[in-house]
Amino acid sequence: MSPKEQGVQIISAYDQGFKSTNGLDA
């Protein structure tokens, strides 16, 4: 896995967690 791919996965997971925490639809 390239650093770029890893970064995208981290951002995606953070974004999903942020929306989930705020009760927003993904």
C-alpha atoms as a PDB file:
ATOM      1  CA  MET A   1       0.000   0.000   0.000  1.00  0.00           C
ATOM      2  CA  SER A   2       1.369   3.358  -0.988  1.00  0.00           C
ATOM      3  CA  PRO A   3       1.505   6.303   1.457  1.00  0.00           C
ATOM      4  CA  LYS A   4      -1.120   8.077  -0.660  1.00  0.00           C
ATOM      5  CA  GLU A   5      -3.521   5.131  -0.434  1.00  0.00           C
ATOM      6  CA  GLN A   6      -2.945   4.862   3.308  1.00  0.00           C
ATOM      7  CA  GLY A   7      -3.604   8.572   3.747  1.00  0.00           C
ATOM      8  CA  VAL A   8      -6.853   8.328   1.791  1.00  0.00           C
ATOM      9  CA  GLN A   9      -8.020   5.456   4.015  1.00  0.00           C
ATOM     10  CA  ILE A  10      -7.204   7.413   7.168  1.00  0.00           C
ATOM     11  CA  ILE A  11      -9.034  10.490   5.893  1.00  0.00           C
ATOM     12  CA  SER A  12     -12.034   8.377   4.884  1.00  0.00           C
ATOM     13  CA  ALA A  13     -12.198   6.677   8.288  1.00  0.00           C
ATOM     14  CA  TYR A  14     -11.868  10.026  10.094  1.00  0.00           C
ATOM     15  CA  ASP A  15     -14.557  11.564   7.886  1.00  0.00           C
ATOM     16  CA  GLN A  16     -16.931   8.673   8.566  1.00  0.00           C
ATOM     17  CA  GLY A  17     -16.274   8.881  12.307  1.00  0.00           C
ATOM     18  CA  PHE A  18     -16.813  12.635  12.318  1.00  0.00           C
ATOM     19  CA  LYS A  19     -20.153  12.342  10.517  1.00  0.00           C
ATOM     20  CA  SER A  20     -21.179   9.433  12.741  1.00  0.00           C
ATOM     21  CA  THR A  21     -20.332  11.393  15.887  1.00  0.00           C
ATOM     22  CA  ASN A  22     -22.409  14.346  14.686  1.00  0.00           C
ATOM     23  CA  GLY A  23     -25.325  12.166  13.597  1.00  0.00           C
ATOM     24  CA  LEU A  24     -25.021  13.095   9.928  1.00  0.00           C
ATOM     25  CA  ASP A  25     -25.524  10.778   6.989  1.00  0.00           C
ATOM     26  CA  ALA A  26     -22.302   9.490   5.464  1.00  0.00           C
END
